[in-house]
Amino acid sequence: MKKLFYVRHGKTVGNLEGNYIGRTESDLVGEGVEGAHKVARQIIESGEHIDAIYCASLTRQRDTAKIIAEDIGFPVDQIRVDDLLLERAGGDFEGKPQKDFFAASEEEQIAAGAESFQALADRTVAIVKLAQENHPGETVLFVGSAAIGEMMRAMIKYQDHTRMFDDGPIPNTELIRFI
């Protein structure tokens, strides 16, 4: 893979409500749709050619990827859906205030059914490796969620899953180059 870009899905109802939505479906709001169009404009204006787009099966990720693809002229039927890009599962915290989820320790989160940071790191490494194998010399765009993007950044930049939060949160619909 020559280049890897990452975009967190557009803003959703759950984002606006301040809830941890993890693997729970939450539709894009108008601002989220516009954010996806904005990313597409950035790609077009930069002159980047996207060879592959990957997203997870959650509606917010698929819709964001579809908007970007349509706007840049990428065939929507060639978007690769891979659940290695799913958001970190929140277990019993899903649909509840984010502040409660983030106030809990990882052990408390896991006890409530959340995914461990190590499992998230393993998925992150796997999807990047898959893209590298499938797209040598090409430019890839991943459309995901906050935690998977933050972990991807940590694993690429630091090769250390414990540094996931070192560079702050990944905002919705911001085009970020990881490789």
N, C-alpha and C. Protein backbone atom coordinates (compact mmCIF):
# COMPACT_ATOMS: atom_id res chain seq x y z
N MET A 1 0.86 -1.17 0.00
CA MET A 1 0.00 0.00 0.00
C MET A 1 0.90 1.23 0.00
N LYS A 2 0.59 2.14 -0.90
CA LYS A 2 1.38 3.37 -1.02
C LYS A 2 0.95 4.40 0.03
N LYS A 3 -0.36 4.60 0.17
CA LYS A 3 -0.90 5.56 1.13
C LYS A 3 -2.13 4.96 1.80
N LEU A 4 -2.33 5.36 3.06
CA LEU A 4 -3.52 4.95 3.80
C LEU A 4 -4.15 6.18 4.42
N PHE A 5 -5.39 6.45 4.02
CA PHE A 5 -6.17 7.54 4.60
C PHE A 5 -7.27 6.96 5.48
N TYR A 6 -7.62 7.73 6.49
CA TYR A 6 -8.67 7.30 7.44
C TYR A 6 -9.68 8.43 7.62
N VAL A 7 -10.94 8.05 7.65
CA VAL A 7 -12.02 9.00 7.93
C VAL A 7 -12.95 8.36 8.95
N ARG A 8 -13.21 9.08 10.01
CA ARG A 8 -14.24 8.65 10.95
C ARG A 8 -15.59 9.04 10.33
N HIS A 9 -16.56 8.16 10.46
CA HIS A 9 -17.89 8.39 9.89
C HIS A 9 -18.43 9.77 10.25
N GLY A 10 -19.44 10.20 9.51
CA GLY A 10 -20.10 11.47 9.79
C GLY A 10 -20.83 11.44 11.12
N LYS A 11 -21.12 12.63 11.64
CA LYS A 11 -21.83 12.73 12.92
C LYS A 11 -23.17 12.01 12.86
N THR A 12 -23.53 11.44 14.00
CA THR A 12 -24.75 10.64 14.10
C THR A 12 -25.64 11.17 15.23
N VAL A 13 -26.83 10.62 15.28
CA VAL A 13 -27.76 10.92 16.37
C VAL A 13 -27.09 10.61 17.71
N GLY A 14 -26.46 9.44 17.81
CA GLY A 14 -25.79 9.05 19.06
C GLY A 14 -24.68 10.00 19.45
N ASN A 15 -23.91 10.48 18.47
CA ASN A 15 -22.85 11.45 18.76
C ASN A 15 -23.45 12.71 19.38
N LEU A 16 -24.53 13.19 18.78
CA LEU A 16 -25.16 14.43 19.27
C LEU A 16 -25.75 14.25 20.66
N GLU A 17 -26.22 13.04 20.96
CA GLU A 17 -26.79 12.77 22.28
C GLU A 17 -25.72 12.52 23.34
N GLY A 18 -24.46 12.36 22.91
CA GLY A 18 -23.37 12.13 23.86
C GLY A 18 -23.31 10.70 24.37
N ASN A 19 -23.86 9.77 23.61
CA ASN A 19 -23.87 8.37 24.04
C ASN A 19 -22.73 7.60 23.40
N TYR A 20 -22.31 6.52 24.08
CA TYR A 20 -21.36 5.60 23.49
C TYR A 20 -22.17 4.66 22.61
N ILE A 21 -21.97 4.71 21.30
CA ILE A 21 -22.79 3.93 20.40
C ILE A 21 -22.09 2.66 19.92
N GLY A 22 -20.77 2.59 20.01
CA GLY A 22 -20.05 1.37 19.69
C GLY A 22 -20.57 0.64 18.47
N ARG A 23 -21.19 -0.50 18.69
CA ARG A 23 -21.70 -1.32 17.60
C ARG A 23 -23.21 -1.15 17.41
N THR A 24 -23.78 -0.18 18.10
CA THR A 24 -25.20 0.12 17.97
C THR A 24 -25.40 0.99 16.73
N GLU A 25 -26.44 0.69 15.97
CA GLU A 25 -26.74 1.51 14.80
C GLU A 25 -27.14 2.92 15.22
N SER A 26 -26.68 3.91 14.50
CA SER A 26 -27.03 5.30 14.72
C SER A 26 -26.88 6.02 13.39
N ASP A 27 -27.96 6.59 12.91
CA ASP A 27 -27.97 7.21 11.59
C ASP A 27 -27.20 8.52 11.55
N LEU A 28 -26.69 8.83 10.37
CA LEU A 28 -26.05 10.12 10.15
C LEU A 28 -27.09 11.23 10.28
N VAL A 29 -26.66 12.36 10.81
CA VAL A 29 -27.49 13.57 10.82
C VAL A 29 -27.03 14.44 9.65
N GLY A 30 -27.74 15.54 9.38
CA GLY A 30 -27.40 16.41 8.27
C GLY A 30 -25.94 16.85 8.28
N GLU A 31 -25.44 17.20 9.45
CA GLU A 31 -24.04 17.61 9.58
C GLU A 31 -23.10 16.47 9.19
N GLY A 32 -23.49 15.23 9.49
CA GLY A 32 -22.67 14.07 9.13
C GLY A 32 -22.64 13.83 7.64
N VAL A 33 -23.77 14.02 7.00
CA VAL A 33 -23.83 13.89 5.53
C VAL A 33 -22.97 14.97 4.88
N GLU A 34 -23.10 16.19 5.35
CA GLU A 34 -22.30 17.29 4.80
C GLU A 34 -20.81 17.06 5.04
N GLY A 35 -20.46 16.51 6.19
CA GLY A 35 -19.06 16.20 6.48
C GLY A 35 -18.48 15.21 5.50
N ALA A 36 -19.27 14.20 5.12
CA ALA A 36 -18.81 13.22 4.14
C ALA A 36 -18.58 13.89 2.78
N HIS A 37 -19.48 14.77 2.38
CA HIS A 37 -19.29 15.51 1.12
C HIS A 37 -18.03 16.38 1.20
N LYS A 38 -17.77 16.96 2.37
CA LYS A 38 -16.58 17.80 2.56
C LYS A 38 -15.30 16.98 2.36
N VAL A 39 -15.28 15.77 2.93
CA VAL A 39 -14.11 14.90 2.76
C VAL A 39 -13.90 14.58 1.28
N ALA A 40 -14.98 14.29 0.59
CA ALA A 40 -14.87 14.00 -0.85
C ALA A 40 -14.27 15.19 -1.59
N ARG A 41 -14.73 16.39 -1.25
CA ARG A 41 -14.18 17.59 -1.91
C ARG A 41 -12.68 17.72 -1.62
N GLN A 42 -12.27 17.41 -0.39
CA GLN A 42 -10.84 17.47 -0.04
C GLN A 42 -10.04 16.48 -0.89
N ILE A 43 -10.56 15.29 -1.06
CA ILE A 43 -9.87 14.28 -1.86
C ILE A 43 -9.75 14.76 -3.31
N ILE A 44 -10.83 15.27 -3.86
CA ILE A 44 -10.81 15.77 -5.24
C ILE A 44 -9.83 16.92 -5.39
N GLU A 45 -9.90 17.89 -4.48
CA GLU A 45 -9.02 19.07 -4.56
C GLU A 45 -7.56 18.71 -4.37
N SER A 46 -7.27 17.65 -3.62
CA SER A 46 -5.88 17.24 -3.39
C SER A 46 -5.30 16.51 -4.59
N GLY A 47 -6.17 16.04 -5.46
CA GLY A 47 -5.70 15.27 -6.61
C GLY A 47 -5.41 13.81 -6.29
N GLU A 48 -5.71 13.38 -5.08
CA GLU A 48 -5.47 11.98 -4.69
C GLU A 48 -6.38 11.06 -5.49
N HIS A 49 -5.84 9.93 -5.85
CA HIS A 49 -6.64 8.89 -6.49
C HIS A 49 -6.80 7.76 -5.48
N ILE A 50 -8.02 7.43 -5.14
CA ILE A 50 -8.31 6.36 -4.19
C ILE A 50 -8.52 5.07 -4.97
N ASP A 51 -7.71 4.07 -4.65
CA ASP A 51 -7.79 2.78 -5.34
C ASP A 51 -8.74 1.80 -4.66
N ALA A 52 -8.92 1.97 -3.35
CA ALA A 52 -9.79 1.06 -2.60
C ALA A 52 -10.40 1.79 -1.42
N ILE A 53 -11.65 1.46 -1.13
CA ILE A 53 -12.33 2.00 0.05
C ILE A 53 -12.83 0.82 0.86
N TYR A 54 -12.53 0.86 2.15
CA TYR A 54 -13.00 -0.16 3.10
C TYR A 54 -13.86 0.53 4.16
N CYS A 55 -14.89 -0.17 4.60
CA CYS A 55 -15.69 0.30 5.73
C CYS A 55 -16.26 -0.92 6.45
N ALA A 56 -16.81 -0.69 7.62
CA ALA A 56 -17.49 -1.77 8.36
C ALA A 56 -18.96 -1.80 7.95
N SER A 57 -19.70 -2.75 8.48
CA SER A 57 -21.09 -2.95 8.08
C SER A 57 -22.09 -2.03 8.77
N LEU A 58 -21.66 -1.24 9.75
CA LEU A 58 -22.59 -0.32 10.40
C LEU A 58 -23.07 0.72 9.40
N THR A 59 -24.33 1.07 9.48
CA THR A 59 -24.94 2.00 8.52
C THR A 59 -24.18 3.32 8.45
N ARG A 60 -23.76 3.86 9.59
CA ARG A 60 -23.08 5.16 9.58
C ARG A 60 -21.77 5.12 8.81
N GLN A 61 -21.07 3.99 8.86
CA GLN A 61 -19.82 3.84 8.14
C GLN A 61 -20.09 3.59 6.65
N ARG A 62 -21.05 2.73 6.36
CA ARG A 62 -21.40 2.46 4.96
C ARG A 62 -21.92 3.71 4.27
N ASP A 63 -22.79 4.46 4.95
CA ASP A 63 -23.34 5.67 4.34
C ASP A 63 -22.25 6.71 4.08
N THR A 64 -21.35 6.88 5.03
CA THR A 64 -20.24 7.83 4.85
C THR A 64 -19.37 7.40 3.68
N ALA A 65 -19.02 6.12 3.63
CA ALA A 65 -18.19 5.60 2.53
C ALA A 65 -18.90 5.78 1.18
N LYS A 66 -20.20 5.51 1.16
CA LYS A 66 -20.96 5.63 -0.09
C LYS A 66 -20.99 7.07 -0.60
N ILE A 67 -21.22 8.02 0.30
CA ILE A 67 -21.24 9.44 -0.10
C ILE A 67 -19.89 9.84 -0.69
N ILE A 68 -18.82 9.49 0.01
CA ILE A 68 -17.48 9.83 -0.47
C ILE A 68 -17.24 9.18 -1.83
N ALA A 69 -17.54 7.90 -1.93
CA ALA A 69 -17.30 7.18 -3.19
C ALA A 69 -18.06 7.82 -4.34
N GLU A 70 -19.35 8.09 -4.14
CA GLU A 70 -20.14 8.69 -5.21
C GLU A 70 -19.57 10.03 -5.64
N ASP A 71 -19.18 10.84 -4.65
CA ASP A 71 -18.67 12.18 -4.97
C ASP A 71 -17.34 12.15 -5.70
N ILE A 72 -16.48 11.18 -5.40
CA ILE A 72 -15.17 11.14 -6.06
C ILE A 72 -15.17 10.26 -7.30
N GLY A 73 -16.31 9.66 -7.62
CA GLY A 73 -16.39 8.81 -8.81
C GLY A 73 -15.87 7.40 -8.61
N PHE A 74 -15.81 6.95 -7.36
CA PHE A 74 -15.38 5.58 -7.06
C PHE A 74 -16.61 4.68 -7.13
N PRO A 75 -16.53 3.52 -7.78
CA PRO A 75 -17.70 2.64 -7.89
C PRO A 75 -18.18 2.14 -6.51
N VAL A 76 -19.40 2.50 -6.15
CA VAL A 76 -19.95 2.15 -4.84
C VAL A 76 -19.97 0.64 -4.63
N ASP A 77 -20.20 -0.12 -5.71
CA ASP A 77 -20.25 -1.58 -5.57
C ASP A 77 -18.87 -2.20 -5.32
N GLN A 78 -17.82 -1.39 -5.38
CA GLN A 78 -16.48 -1.88 -5.09
C GLN A 78 -16.00 -1.52 -3.68
N ILE A 79 -16.85 -0.88 -2.89
CA ILE A 79 -16.50 -0.62 -1.48
C ILE A 79 -16.41 -1.97 -0.78
N ARG A 80 -15.34 -2.18 -0.07
CA ARG A 80 -15.14 -3.45 0.64
C ARG A 80 -15.65 -3.30 2.07
N VAL A 81 -16.60 -4.13 2.42
CA VAL A 81 -17.15 -4.11 3.78
C VAL A 81 -16.43 -5.17 4.59
N ASP A 82 -15.76 -4.74 5.65
CA ASP A 82 -15.01 -5.66 6.49
C ASP A 82 -15.19 -5.26 7.95
N ASP A 83 -15.72 -6.16 8.74
CA ASP A 83 -16.01 -5.83 10.13
C ASP A 83 -14.78 -5.80 11.03
N LEU A 84 -13.60 -6.00 10.46
CA LEU A 84 -12.40 -5.69 11.24
C LEU A 84 -12.37 -4.19 11.57
N LEU A 85 -13.11 -3.39 10.78
CA LEU A 85 -13.17 -1.93 11.00
C LEU A 85 -14.32 -1.50 11.92
N LEU A 86 -15.01 -2.45 12.54
CA LEU A 86 -16.08 -2.08 13.46
C LEU A 86 -15.54 -1.27 14.64
N GLU A 87 -16.40 -0.45 15.19
CA GLU A 87 -16.07 0.30 16.39
C GLU A 87 -15.86 -0.67 17.55
N ARG A 88 -15.18 -0.22 18.57
CA ARG A 88 -14.96 -1.02 19.77
C ARG A 88 -16.31 -1.31 20.43
N ALA A 89 -16.58 -2.57 20.67
CA ALA A 89 -17.83 -2.97 21.32
C ALA A 89 -17.84 -2.41 22.75
N GLY A 90 -18.98 -1.86 23.13
CA GLY A 90 -19.12 -1.26 24.46
C GLY A 90 -19.89 -2.10 25.46
N GLY A 91 -20.39 -3.25 25.04
CA GLY A 91 -21.14 -4.11 25.95
C GLY A 91 -22.34 -3.37 26.52
N ASP A 92 -22.54 -3.51 27.83
CA ASP A 92 -23.69 -2.90 28.50
C ASP A 92 -23.63 -1.37 28.50
N PHE A 93 -22.50 -0.79 28.14
CA PHE A 93 -22.38 0.67 28.09
C PHE A 93 -22.96 1.27 26.81
N GLU A 94 -23.22 0.43 25.81
CA GLU A 94 -23.74 0.96 24.54
C GLU A 94 -25.08 1.65 24.75
N GLY A 95 -25.20 2.82 24.13
CA GLY A 95 -26.43 3.60 24.23
C GLY A 95 -26.53 4.43 25.51
N LYS A 96 -25.50 4.34 26.33
CA LYS A 96 -25.48 5.10 27.58
C LYS A 96 -24.46 6.23 27.45
N PRO A 97 -24.49 7.21 28.36
CA PRO A 97 -23.57 8.34 28.24
C PRO A 97 -22.10 7.93 28.11
N GLN A 98 -21.43 8.56 27.14
CA GLN A 98 -20.00 8.29 26.93
C GLN A 98 -19.20 8.51 28.20
N LYS A 99 -19.56 9.53 28.95
CA LYS A 99 -18.79 9.84 30.16
C LYS A 99 -18.77 8.66 31.12
N ASP A 100 -19.85 7.89 31.19
CA ASP A 100 -19.89 6.72 32.06
C ASP A 100 -18.95 5.63 31.55
N PHE A 101 -18.95 5.44 30.24
CA PHE A 101 -18.07 4.43 29.63
C PHE A 101 -16.61 4.78 29.88
N PHE A 102 -16.25 6.03 29.63
CA PHE A 102 -14.86 6.42 29.76
C PHE A 102 -14.41 6.60 31.21
N ALA A 103 -15.34 6.72 32.13
CA ALA A 103 -15.00 6.80 33.55
C ALA A 103 -14.67 5.41 34.12
N ALA A 104 -15.15 4.37 33.46
CA ALA A 104 -14.90 3.00 33.92
C ALA A 104 -13.51 2.55 33.51
N SER A 105 -12.91 1.69 34.31
CA SER A 105 -11.61 1.11 33.96
C SER A 105 -11.81 0.10 32.84
N GLU A 106 -10.72 -0.27 32.17
CA GLU A 106 -10.84 -1.27 31.12
C GLU A 106 -11.40 -2.57 31.69
N GLU A 107 -10.99 -2.94 32.88
CA GLU A 107 -11.49 -4.17 33.51
C GLU A 107 -13.00 -4.08 33.72
N GLU A 108 -13.50 -2.93 34.16
CA GLU A 108 -14.94 -2.75 34.35
C GLU A 108 -15.67 -2.78 33.00
N GLN A 109 -15.06 -2.18 31.99
CA GLN A 109 -15.65 -2.20 30.66
C GLN A 109 -15.76 -3.64 30.13
N ILE A 110 -14.68 -4.40 30.26
CA ILE A 110 -14.66 -5.78 29.79
C ILE A 110 -15.68 -6.63 30.55
N ALA A 111 -15.79 -6.42 31.85
CA ALA A 111 -16.76 -7.16 32.66
C ALA A 111 -18.20 -6.88 32.19
N ALA A 112 -18.41 -5.70 31.61
CA ALA A 112 -19.73 -5.33 31.09
C ALA A 112 -19.91 -5.74 29.63
N GLY A 113 -18.93 -6.49 29.09
CA GLY A 113 -19.04 -6.99 27.73
C GLY A 113 -18.32 -6.20 26.67
N ALA A 114 -17.53 -5.20 27.06
CA ALA A 114 -16.78 -4.39 26.09
C ALA A 114 -15.57 -5.17 25.57
N GLU A 115 -15.12 -4.78 24.40
CA GLU A 115 -13.93 -5.37 23.79
C GLU A 115 -12.68 -4.84 24.49
N SER A 116 -11.69 -5.69 24.66
CA SER A 116 -10.43 -5.25 25.26
C SER A 116 -9.64 -4.40 24.28
N PHE A 117 -8.73 -3.58 24.81
CA PHE A 117 -7.88 -2.77 23.94
C PHE A 117 -6.95 -3.67 23.12
N GLN A 118 -6.51 -4.78 23.70
CA GLN A 118 -5.63 -5.69 22.96
C GLN A 118 -6.36 -6.30 21.77
N ALA A 119 -7.62 -6.70 21.97
CA ALA A 119 -8.41 -7.25 20.86
C ALA A 119 -8.61 -6.20 19.77
N LEU A 120 -8.86 -4.95 20.18
CA LEU A 120 -9.01 -3.86 19.23
C LEU A 120 -7.71 -3.65 18.46
N ALA A 121 -6.59 -3.70 19.14
CA ALA A 121 -5.28 -3.56 18.49
C ALA A 121 -5.05 -4.69 17.50
N ASP A 122 -5.41 -5.91 17.87
CA ASP A 122 -5.23 -7.06 16.98
C ASP A 122 -6.05 -6.89 15.71
N ARG A 123 -7.30 -6.43 15.83
CA ARG A 123 -8.14 -6.19 14.66
C ARG A 123 -7.55 -5.10 13.77
N THR A 124 -7.03 -4.07 14.41
CA THR A 124 -6.44 -2.95 13.68
C THR A 124 -5.25 -3.42 12.84
N VAL A 125 -4.37 -4.16 13.45
CA VAL A 125 -3.20 -4.68 12.73
C VAL A 125 -3.66 -5.58 11.59
N ALA A 126 -4.67 -6.39 11.83
CA ALA A 126 -5.16 -7.32 10.80
C ALA A 126 -5.72 -6.59 9.58
N ILE A 127 -6.50 -5.53 9.78
CA ILE A 127 -7.10 -4.84 8.63
C ILE A 127 -6.04 -4.06 7.84
N VAL A 128 -5.07 -3.49 8.54
CA VAL A 128 -4.00 -2.78 7.82
C VAL A 128 -3.17 -3.79 7.02
N LYS A 129 -2.87 -4.92 7.61
CA LYS A 129 -2.11 -5.96 6.91
C LYS A 129 -2.88 -6.45 5.68
N LEU A 130 -4.17 -6.67 5.84
CA LEU A 130 -5.01 -7.11 4.72
C LEU A 130 -4.97 -6.10 3.57
N ALA A 131 -5.10 -4.83 3.89
CA ALA A 131 -5.06 -3.79 2.86
C ALA A 131 -3.69 -3.72 2.20
N GLN A 132 -2.63 -3.88 3.00
CA GLN A 132 -1.28 -3.86 2.43
C GLN A 132 -1.09 -5.02 1.45
N GLU A 133 -1.60 -6.19 1.79
CA GLU A 133 -1.47 -7.36 0.92
C GLU A 133 -2.31 -7.23 -0.34
N ASN A 134 -3.51 -6.67 -0.20
CA ASN A 134 -4.43 -6.59 -1.34
C ASN A 134 -4.18 -5.40 -2.26
N HIS A 135 -3.45 -4.40 -1.78
CA HIS A 135 -3.30 -3.16 -2.55
C HIS A 135 -1.85 -2.65 -2.56
N PRO A 136 -0.91 -3.47 -2.99
CA PRO A 136 0.48 -2.99 -3.05
C PRO A 136 0.60 -1.81 -4.01
N GLY A 137 1.25 -0.77 -3.55
CA GLY A 137 1.47 0.40 -4.39
C GLY A 137 0.23 1.25 -4.63
N GLU A 138 -0.85 0.98 -3.89
CA GLU A 138 -2.10 1.71 -4.11
C GLU A 138 -2.46 2.57 -2.90
N THR A 139 -3.44 3.44 -3.11
CA THR A 139 -3.93 4.33 -2.07
C THR A 139 -5.28 3.81 -1.57
N VAL A 140 -5.36 3.62 -0.26
CA VAL A 140 -6.54 3.03 0.38
C VAL A 140 -7.17 4.04 1.32
N LEU A 141 -8.50 4.04 1.36
CA LEU A 141 -9.26 4.86 2.30
C LEU A 141 -10.06 3.93 3.20
N PHE A 142 -9.85 4.05 4.51
CA PHE A 142 -10.67 3.34 5.49
C PHE A 142 -11.69 4.32 6.03
N VAL A 143 -12.94 3.89 6.15
CA VAL A 143 -13.99 4.66 6.81
C VAL A 143 -14.40 3.86 8.03
N GLY A 144 -14.13 4.42 9.21
CA GLY A 144 -14.40 3.70 10.44
C GLY A 144 -15.01 4.59 11.49
N SER A 145 -14.74 4.25 12.73
CA SER A 145 -15.25 5.00 13.88
C SER A 145 -14.09 5.50 14.71
N ALA A 146 -14.39 6.13 15.83
CA ALA A 146 -13.36 6.80 16.63
C ALA A 146 -12.30 5.83 17.17
N ALA A 147 -12.73 4.84 17.93
CA ALA A 147 -11.76 3.98 18.63
C ALA A 147 -10.87 3.21 17.67
N ILE A 148 -11.44 2.65 16.61
CA ILE A 148 -10.62 1.89 15.67
C ILE A 148 -9.61 2.82 14.99
N GLY A 149 -10.00 4.04 14.69
CA GLY A 149 -9.08 5.00 14.10
C GLY A 149 -7.98 5.42 15.06
N GLU A 150 -8.35 5.64 16.31
CA GLU A 150 -7.35 6.03 17.31
C GLU A 150 -6.36 4.90 17.56
N MET A 151 -6.87 3.65 17.57
CA MET A 151 -5.97 2.51 17.75
C MET A 151 -5.09 2.34 16.52
N MET A 152 -5.65 2.53 15.33
CA MET A 152 -4.86 2.40 14.11
C MET A 152 -3.70 3.40 14.12
N ARG A 153 -4.02 4.63 14.50
CA ARG A 153 -2.98 5.67 14.58
C ARG A 153 -1.89 5.25 15.56
N ALA A 154 -2.28 4.72 16.73
CA ALA A 154 -1.29 4.31 17.74
C ALA A 154 -0.43 3.16 17.25
N MET A 155 -1.04 2.21 16.59
CA MET A 155 -0.28 1.05 16.13
C MET A 155 0.65 1.41 14.97
N ILE A 156 0.21 2.30 14.10
CA ILE A 156 1.07 2.70 12.99
C ILE A 156 2.17 3.65 13.47
N LYS A 157 1.81 4.61 14.28
CA LYS A 157 2.77 5.65 14.71
C LYS A 157 3.72 5.16 15.80
N TYR A 158 3.18 4.39 16.78
CA TYR A 158 3.97 4.00 17.95
C TYR A 158 4.20 2.49 18.08
N GLN A 159 3.46 1.69 17.32
CA GLN A 159 3.48 0.24 17.48
C GLN A 159 3.20 -0.17 18.93
N ASP A 160 2.25 0.57 19.56
CA ASP A 160 1.96 0.36 20.98
C ASP A 160 0.50 0.69 21.26
N HIS A 161 -0.29 -0.33 21.57
CA HIS A 161 -1.73 -0.11 21.78
C HIS A 161 -2.03 0.74 23.01
N THR A 162 -1.10 0.81 23.95
CA THR A 162 -1.35 1.61 25.16
C THR A 162 -1.26 3.11 24.88
N ARG A 163 -0.85 3.48 23.68
CA ARG A 163 -0.72 4.90 23.32
C ARG A 163 -1.90 5.38 22.48
N MET A 164 -2.98 4.64 22.52
CA MET A 164 -4.17 4.92 21.72
C MET A 164 -4.69 6.34 21.88
N PHE A 165 -4.63 6.87 23.08
CA PHE A 165 -5.22 8.18 23.34
C PHE A 165 -4.18 9.31 23.36
N ASP A 166 -2.93 9.00 23.04
CA ASP A 166 -1.86 10.00 23.13
C ASP A 166 -2.07 11.22 22.24
N ASP A 167 -2.66 11.03 21.08
CA ASP A 167 -2.79 12.12 20.12
C ASP A 167 -4.21 12.70 20.08
N GLY A 168 -5.01 12.39 21.08
CA GLY A 168 -6.35 12.96 21.17
C GLY A 168 -7.36 12.25 20.30
N PRO A 169 -8.60 12.70 20.38
CA PRO A 169 -9.68 12.04 19.64
C PRO A 169 -9.62 12.33 18.15
N ILE A 170 -10.15 11.41 17.39
CA ILE A 170 -10.29 11.60 15.95
C ILE A 170 -11.68 12.18 15.72
N PRO A 171 -11.76 13.37 15.15
CA PRO A 171 -13.07 13.99 14.92
C PRO A 171 -13.82 13.35 13.76
N ASN A 172 -15.11 13.53 13.75
CA ASN A 172 -15.92 13.04 12.64
C ASN A 172 -15.50 13.74 11.34
N THR A 173 -15.52 12.96 10.28
CA THR A 173 -15.28 13.40 8.90
C THR A 173 -14.10 14.35 8.75
N GLU A 174 -12.97 13.88 9.20
CA GLU A 174 -11.70 14.57 8.95
C GLU A 174 -10.80 13.59 8.22
N LEU A 175 -10.29 13.97 7.07
CA LEU A 175 -9.41 13.12 6.28
C LEU A 175 -8.02 13.12 6.92
N ILE A 176 -7.56 11.95 7.33
CA ILE A 176 -6.27 11.82 8.02
C ILE A 176 -5.42 10.82 7.26
N ARG A 177 -4.17 11.18 7.02
CA ARG A 177 -3.25 10.25 6.37
C ARG A 177 -2.43 9.54 7.44
N PHE A 178 -2.49 8.20 7.45
CA PHE A 178 -1.72 7.40 8.40
C PHE A 178 -0.44 6.88 7.78
N ILE A 179 -0.46 6.58 6.49
CA ILE A 179 0.75 6.06 5.80
C ILE A 179 0.89 6.86 4.51
